[in-house]
Amino acid sequence: MKKGLFILLFFSSLVSEAQNPVSWKFTANKQKEGVYEIHMLATIQKGWHLYSQKQPENAIAIPTLFSINKNPLLIMKGKIREIGKLEIFKDKKLGLAANQYSTQVDFIQIVSLKGKAKTNFMGNVEFQTCDDTKCLPPKIINFNVVLD
């Protein structure tokens, strides 16, 4: 009996680990000489939610967090902004809330190069996804965008 339960739990964790309801695409659009708009596009499977970088105090979710590697050749212009249809989830019964996206959200960072150089915009994104019944453990995805 214990052996059967262990096998069931093991395979359940593998299925959960293999499930990835968000796909990411990282690109750079050159705006003018030395200035780039970095797009970190998340496409979310139907029925799932990805959470905004900014959450209310009574949030139930882990916010999306970008960690950008330091690069002496790059200057960040402002903060990473979000383009998408923000949904405000509220559970009045439990007093919980979340700022979330369904379908797609584009996270955008403007950067400028110090001089003429080829370099990379690198880092990672940590995010959590949930559907109406469960949340998956947070994931970390590394990215590397070439700027030339």
C-alpha atoms as a PDB file:
ATOM      1  CA  MET A   1       0.000   0.000   0.000  1.00  0.00           C
ATOM      2  CA  LYS A   2       2.783   2.441   0.944  1.00  0.00           C
ATOM      3  CA  LYS A   3       4.667   1.538  -2.223  1.00  0.00           C
ATOM      4  CA  GLY A   4       1.583   2.269  -4.366  1.00  0.00           C
ATOM      5  CA  LEU A   5       1.014   5.619  -2.653  1.00  0.00           C
ATOM      6  CA  PHE A   6       4.668   6.561  -3.160  1.00  0.00           C
ATOM      7  CA  ILE A   7       4.477   5.714  -6.886  1.00  0.00           C
ATOM      8  CA  LEU A   8       1.256   7.731  -7.272  1.00  0.00           C
ATOM      9  CA  LEU A   9       2.785  10.777  -5.524  1.00  0.00           C
ATOM     10  CA  PHE A  10       5.992  10.452  -7.545  1.00  0.00           C
ATOM     11  CA  PHE A  11       4.177  10.439 -10.897  1.00  0.00           C
ATOM     12  CA  SER A  12       1.846  13.248  -9.773  1.00  0.00           C
ATOM     13  CA  SER A  13       4.866  15.429  -9.009  1.00  0.00           C
ATOM     14  CA  LEU A  14       6.383  14.635 -12.415  1.00  0.00           C
ATOM     15  CA  VAL A  15       3.171  15.653 -14.187  1.00  0.00           C
ATOM     16  CA  SER A  16       3.012  18.863 -12.156  1.00  0.00           C
ATOM     17  CA  GLU A  17       6.682  19.618 -12.854  1.00  0.00           C
ATOM     18  CA  ALA A  18       6.292  18.971 -16.591  1.00  0.00           C
ATOM     19  CA  GLN A  19       3.237  21.226 -16.838  1.00  0.00           C
ATOM     20  CA  ASN A  20       4.186  24.678 -18.072  1.00  0.00           C
ATOM     21  CA  PRO A  21       1.159  26.810 -18.960  1.00  0.00           C
ATOM     22  CA  VAL A  22       3.303  29.853 -19.899  1.00  0.00           C
ATOM     23  CA  SER A  23       5.658  30.157 -22.864  1.00  0.00           C
ATOM     24  CA  TRP A  24       8.132  33.037 -23.081  1.00  0.00           C
ATOM     25  CA  LYS A  25       9.639  34.880 -26.048  1.00  0.00           C
ATOM     26  CA  PHE A  26      12.458  37.404 -25.554  1.00  0.00           C
ATOM     27  CA  THR A  27      13.239  39.902 -28.347  1.00  0.00           C
ATOM     28  CA  ALA A  28      14.784  43.341 -28.935  1.00  0.00           C
ATOM     29  CA  ASN A  29      13.397  46.062 -31.206  1.00  0.00           C
ATOM     30  CA  LYS A  30      15.885  48.759 -32.177  1.00  0.00           C
ATOM     31  CA  GLN A  31      14.208  52.155 -31.650  1.00  0.00           C
ATOM     32  CA  LYS A  32      17.118  54.296 -32.853  1.00  0.00           C
ATOM     33  CA  GLU A  33      20.888  54.096 -32.785  1.00  0.00           C
ATOM     34  CA  GLY A  34      21.893  52.600 -29.420  1.00  0.00           C
ATOM     35  CA  VAL A  35      18.337  52.403 -27.990  1.00  0.00           C
ATOM     36  CA  TYR A  36      16.392  49.141 -27.741  1.00  0.00           C
ATOM     37  CA  GLU A  37      12.983  48.095 -26.529  1.00  0.00           C
ATOM     38  CA  ILE A  38      13.284  44.649 -24.928  1.00  0.00           C
ATOM     39  CA  HIS A  39      10.099  42.564 -25.117  1.00  0.00           C
ATOM     40  CA  MET A  40       9.571  39.697 -22.693  1.00  0.00           C
ATOM     41  CA  LEU A  41       6.329  38.240 -24.005  1.00  0.00           C
ATOM     42  CA  ALA A  42       4.415  35.687 -21.950  1.00  0.00           C
ATOM     43  CA  THR A  43       1.746  33.611 -23.697  1.00  0.00           C
ATOM     44  CA  ILE A  44      -0.574  31.935 -21.201  1.00  0.00           C
ATOM     45  CA  GLN A  45      -2.621  28.798 -21.836  1.00  0.00           C
ATOM     46  CA  LYS A  46      -6.403  29.054 -21.554  1.00  0.00           C
ATOM     47  CA  GLY A  47      -7.651  28.730 -17.980  1.00  0.00           C
ATOM     48  CA  TRP A  48      -4.336  29.821 -16.407  1.00  0.00           C
ATOM     49  CA  HIS A  49      -3.165  33.128 -14.929  1.00  0.00           C
ATOM     50  CA  LEU A  50       0.215  34.826 -14.687  1.00  0.00           C
ATOM     51  CA  TYR A  51       0.649  37.444 -11.986  1.00  0.00           C
ATOM     52  CA  SER A  52       1.610  41.077 -12.379  1.00  0.00           C
ATOM     53  CA  GLN A  53       4.844  42.491 -10.964  1.00  0.00           C
ATOM     54  CA  LYS A  54       2.711  44.636  -8.640  1.00  0.00           C
ATOM     55  CA  GLN A  55       0.354  42.932  -6.212  1.00  0.00           C
ATOM     56  CA  PRO A  56      -2.042  44.338  -3.608  1.00  0.00           C
ATOM     57  CA  GLU A  57      -1.158  43.969   0.086  1.00  0.00           C
ATOM     58  CA  ASN A  58      -3.652  41.125   0.491  1.00  0.00           C
ATOM     59  CA  ALA A  59      -2.318  39.274  -2.556  1.00  0.00           C
ATOM     60  CA  ILE A  60      -2.554  35.513  -2.801  1.00  0.00           C
ATOM     61  CA  ALA A  61       0.056  35.092  -5.517  1.00  0.00           C
ATOM     62  CA  ILE A  62       3.780  35.447  -6.039  1.00  0.00           C
ATOM     63  CA  PRO A  63       4.421  38.453  -8.314  1.00  0.00           C
ATOM     64  CA  THR A  64       6.392  38.082 -11.533  1.00  0.00           C
ATOM     65  CA  LEU A  65       9.969  39.164 -10.830  1.00  0.00           C
ATOM     66  CA  PHE A  66      12.666  40.020 -13.354  1.00  0.00           C
ATOM     67  CA  SER A  67      16.314  39.909 -12.300  1.00  0.00           C
ATOM     68  CA  ILE A  68      18.514  41.654 -14.856  1.00  0.00           C
ATOM     69  CA  ASN A  69      22.245  40.893 -14.891  1.00  0.00           C
ATOM     70  CA  LYS A  70      24.446  43.941 -14.397  1.00  0.00           C
ATOM     71  CA  ASN A  71      26.015  45.090 -17.644  1.00  0.00           C
ATOM     72  CA  PRO A  72      28.311  48.140 -17.679  1.00  0.00           C
ATOM     73  CA  LEU A  73      27.459  48.717 -21.368  1.00  0.00           C
ATOM     74  CA  LEU A  74      23.717  49.174 -20.718  1.00  0.00           C
ATOM     75  CA  ILE A  75      21.620  51.932 -19.166  1.00  0.00           C
ATOM     76  CA  MET A  76      18.099  50.978 -18.064  1.00  0.00           C
ATOM     77  CA  LYS A  77      15.482  53.601 -18.930  1.00  0.00           C
ATOM     78  CA  GLY A  78      12.738  53.443 -16.320  1.00  0.00           C
ATOM     79  CA  LYS A  79      11.195  50.256 -14.959  1.00  0.00           C
ATOM     80  CA  ILE A  80       9.803  47.221 -16.746  1.00  0.00           C
ATOM     81  CA  ARG A  81       6.270  48.044 -17.825  1.00  0.00           C
ATOM     82  CA  GLU A  82       3.416  45.648 -18.584  1.00  0.00           C
ATOM     83  CA  ILE A  83       1.204  45.722 -21.657  1.00  0.00           C
ATOM     84  CA  GLY A  84      -1.827  43.452 -21.446  1.00  0.00           C
ATOM     85  CA  LYS A  85      -5.354  43.196 -20.104  1.00  0.00           C
ATOM     86  CA  LEU A  86      -4.887  43.366 -16.331  1.00  0.00           C
ATOM     87  CA  GLU A  87      -7.517  41.432 -14.379  1.00  0.00           C
ATOM     88  CA  ILE A  88      -8.217  42.257 -10.743  1.00  0.00           C
ATOM     89  CA  PHE A  89      -9.168  39.073  -8.876  1.00  0.00           C
ATOM     90  CA  LYS A  90     -10.975  39.532  -5.545  1.00  0.00           C
ATOM     91  CA  ASP A  91     -12.234  36.882  -3.160  1.00  0.00           C
ATOM     92  CA  LYS A  92     -14.445  38.847  -0.754  1.00  0.00           C
ATOM     93  CA  LYS A  93     -15.147  35.766   1.346  1.00  0.00           C
ATOM     94  CA  LEU A  94     -11.436  35.198   2.120  1.00  0.00           C
ATOM     95  CA  GLY A  95     -10.376  38.854   1.784  1.00  0.00           C
ATOM     96  CA  LEU A  96      -7.731  38.044  -0.836  1.00  0.00           C
ATOM     97  CA  ALA A  97      -6.837  39.679  -4.139  1.00  0.00           C
ATOM     98  CA  ALA A  98      -4.447  39.388  -7.075  1.00  0.00           C
ATOM     99  CA  ASN A  99      -3.465  41.372 -10.165  1.00  0.00           C
ATOM    100  CA  GLN A 100      -3.243  38.846 -12.979  1.00  0.00           C
ATOM    101  CA  TYR A 101      -3.167  38.294 -16.729  1.00  0.00           C
ATOM    102  CA  SER A 102      -4.751  35.653 -18.924  1.00  0.00           C
ATOM    103  CA  THR A 103      -3.857  34.874 -22.558  1.00  0.00           C
ATOM    104  CA  GLN A 104      -0.858  37.236 -22.997  1.00  0.00           C
ATOM    105  CA  VAL A 105       1.218  40.008 -21.401  1.00  0.00           C
ATOM    106  CA  ASP A 106       4.252  41.835 -22.766  1.00  0.00           C
ATOM    107  CA  PHE A 107       6.835  43.063 -20.260  1.00  0.00           C
ATOM    108  CA  ILE A 108       8.900  45.859 -21.827  1.00  0.00           C
ATOM    109  CA  GLN A 109      12.214  47.415 -20.760  1.00  0.00           C
ATOM    110  CA  ILE A 110      13.911  50.265 -22.631  1.00  0.00           C
ATOM    111  CA  VAL A 111      17.728  50.160 -22.642  1.00  0.00           C
ATOM    112  CA  SER A 112      20.413  52.260 -24.239  1.00  0.00           C
ATOM    113  CA  LEU A 113      23.959  51.272 -25.089  1.00  0.00           C
ATOM    114  CA  LYS A 114      26.966  53.184 -23.824  1.00  0.00           C
ATOM    115  CA  GLY A 115      28.780  53.690 -27.097  1.00  0.00           C
ATOM    116  CA  LYS A 116      28.862  51.418 -30.121  1.00  0.00           C
ATOM    117  CA  ALA A 117      29.206  47.896 -28.843  1.00  0.00           C
ATOM    118  CA  LYS A 118      27.619  44.525 -29.274  1.00  0.00           C
ATOM    119  CA  THR A 119      26.318  43.214 -25.934  1.00  0.00           C
ATOM    120  CA  ASN A 120      23.565  41.169 -24.328  1.00  0.00           C
ATOM    121  CA  PHE A 121      20.551  41.871 -22.128  1.00  0.00           C
ATOM    122  CA  MET A 122      20.518  38.866 -19.796  1.00  0.00           C
ATOM    123  CA  GLY A 123      18.773  37.741 -16.654  1.00  0.00           C
ATOM    124  CA  ASN A 124      15.896  35.600 -15.493  1.00  0.00           C
ATOM    125  CA  VAL A 125      12.218  35.798 -14.734  1.00  0.00           C
ATOM    126  CA  GLU A 126      10.587  34.113 -11.742  1.00  0.00           C
ATOM    127  CA  PHE A 127       6.843  33.590 -12.052  1.00  0.00           C
ATOM    128  CA  GLN A 128       3.923  31.601 -10.722  1.00  0.00           C
ATOM    129  CA  THR A 129       0.849  30.373 -12.558  1.00  0.00           C
ATOM    130  CA  CYS A 130      -2.501  29.284 -11.205  1.00  0.00           C
ATOM    131  CA  ASP A 131      -5.785  28.069 -12.572  1.00  0.00           C
ATOM    132  CA  ASP A 132      -9.118  28.043 -10.727  1.00  0.00           C
ATOM    133  CA  THR A 133      -8.198  25.008  -8.630  1.00  0.00           C
ATOM    134  CA  LYS A 134      -4.418  25.000  -8.094  1.00  0.00           C
ATOM    135  CA  CYS A 135      -1.164  26.907  -8.304  1.00  0.00           C
ATOM    136  CA  LEU A 136       2.048  25.492  -9.684  1.00  0.00           C
ATOM    137  CA  PRO A 137       5.334  26.062  -7.860  1.00  0.00           C
ATOM    138  CA  PRO A 138       7.224  29.173  -9.017  1.00  0.00           C
ATOM    139  CA  LYS A 139       9.510  28.711 -12.035  1.00  0.00           C
ATOM    140  CA  ILE A 140      12.648  30.539 -13.110  1.00  0.00           C
ATOM    141  CA  ILE A 141      13.447  31.017 -16.807  1.00  0.00           C
ATOM    142  CA  ASN A 142      16.810  32.416 -17.952  1.00  0.00           C
ATOM    143  CA  PHE A 143      16.964  34.715 -20.972  1.00  0.00           C
ATOM    144  CA  ASN A 144      19.621  36.243 -23.199  1.00  0.00           C
ATOM    145  CA  VAL A 145      18.835  38.903 -25.835  1.00  0.00           C
ATOM    146  CA  VAL A 146      21.614  39.976 -28.227  1.00  0.00           C
ATOM    147  CA  LEU A 147      21.908  43.725 -28.862  1.00  0.00           C
ATOM    148  CA  ASP A 148      24.024  44.888 -31.802  1.00  0.00           C
END
